[in-house]
Amino acid sequence: MFATFLRPGSGSRLGPAVLGLLCLAAWALSHSYLGMFHDAGLYTLQALSRLTPESLTEDVLLRFGSQDRFTIFSPPYA
């Protein structure tokens, strides 16, 4: 059944879409997301500021307002 979608004469646009999604999935699996380590550091800093706010009053990221109120990760992590 899958091979009928990829047949050139079938006239369906589903075949190229499936092939494109498979290529995208293969690329995503072969390239790791390195931002996870940096995000973890930011969430740790925001969680520490929730636990001991007086110790991080001069931090530039937290002093003028962070985006901590838009995430669900810092409150349970704290």
Protein backbone atom coordinates (compact mmCIF):
# COMPACT_ATOMS: atom_id res chain seq x y z
CA MET A 1 0.00 0.00 0.00
CA PHE A 2 2.83 2.41 0.85
CA ALA A 3 4.53 1.73 -2.48
CA THR A 4 1.45 2.90 -4.41
CA PHE A 5 1.84 6.40 -2.94
CA LEU A 6 5.42 6.61 -4.14
CA ARG A 7 4.67 5.41 -7.67
CA PRO A 8 5.41 8.23 -10.16
CA GLY A 9 2.24 7.74 -12.22
CA SER A 10 -0.20 7.72 -9.31
CA GLY A 11 -0.88 11.48 -9.55
CA SER A 12 -1.03 11.88 -5.78
CA ARG A 13 0.90 14.54 -3.90
CA LEU A 14 1.00 12.37 -0.82
CA GLY A 15 4.09 10.47 -2.02
CA PRO A 16 6.46 13.46 -2.13
CA ALA A 17 5.06 14.70 1.18
CA VAL A 18 5.73 11.35 2.86
CA LEU A 19 9.19 11.20 1.35
CA GLY A 20 9.92 14.74 2.53
CA LEU A 21 8.75 13.93 6.05
CA LEU A 22 10.92 10.82 6.11
CA CYS A 23 13.93 12.87 5.04
CA LEU A 24 13.15 15.48 7.70
CA ALA A 25 12.81 12.79 10.37
CA ALA A 26 16.12 11.20 9.34
CA TRP A 27 17.85 14.58 9.49
CA ALA A 28 16.35 15.40 12.90
CA LEU A 29 17.45 12.05 14.32
CA SER A 30 21.00 12.46 13.02
CA HIS A 31 21.50 16.01 14.39
CA SER A 32 21.31 16.36 18.15
CA TYR A 33 19.87 19.43 19.86
CA LEU A 34 22.70 21.06 21.80
CA GLY A 35 20.53 23.76 23.32
CA MET A 36 19.22 21.39 25.97
CA PHE A 37 22.34 21.86 28.07
CA HIS A 38 22.09 25.64 27.89
CA ASP A 39 18.37 25.57 28.70
CA ALA A 40 19.05 23.41 31.73
CA GLY A 41 21.44 26.04 33.07
CA LEU A 42 18.86 28.78 32.68
CA TYR A 43 16.15 26.72 34.37
CA THR A 44 18.54 25.96 37.23
CA LEU A 45 19.28 29.65 37.67
CA GLN A 46 15.57 30.50 37.69
CA ALA A 47 14.84 27.72 40.18
CA LEU A 48 17.63 28.95 42.45
CA SER A 49 16.22 32.46 42.32
CA ARG A 50 12.87 31.06 43.49
CA LEU A 51 14.50 29.23 46.40
CA THR A 52 16.83 32.01 47.55
CA PRO A 53 15.79 35.28 45.89
CA GLU A 54 18.09 37.41 48.05
CA SER A 55 21.22 35.68 46.75
CA LEU A 56 20.55 36.53 43.10
CA THR A 57 19.20 40.09 43.32
CA GLU A 58 22.08 41.50 41.26
CA ASP A 59 21.97 38.97 38.45
CA VAL A 60 21.36 40.73 35.13
CA LEU A 61 19.13 37.99 33.74
CA LEU A 62 16.85 38.01 36.77
CA ARG A 63 17.08 41.64 37.85
CA PHE A 64 15.04 43.18 35.05
CA GLY A 65 12.61 40.29 34.78
CA SER A 66 13.11 36.92 33.24
CA GLN A 67 10.69 34.79 31.31
CA ASP A 68 10.24 32.51 34.29
CA ARG A 69 6.53 33.26 34.48
CA PHE A 70 6.04 31.80 30.97
CA THR A 71 7.47 28.36 31.74
CA ILE A 72 6.16 25.42 33.71
CA PHE A 73 9.60 23.93 34.39
CA SER A 74 11.07 26.22 37.05
CA PRO A 75 8.37 25.96 39.78
CA PRO A 76 8.44 22.13 40.04
CA TYR A 77 12.24 22.13 39.64
CA ALA A 78 12.60 24.57 42.53
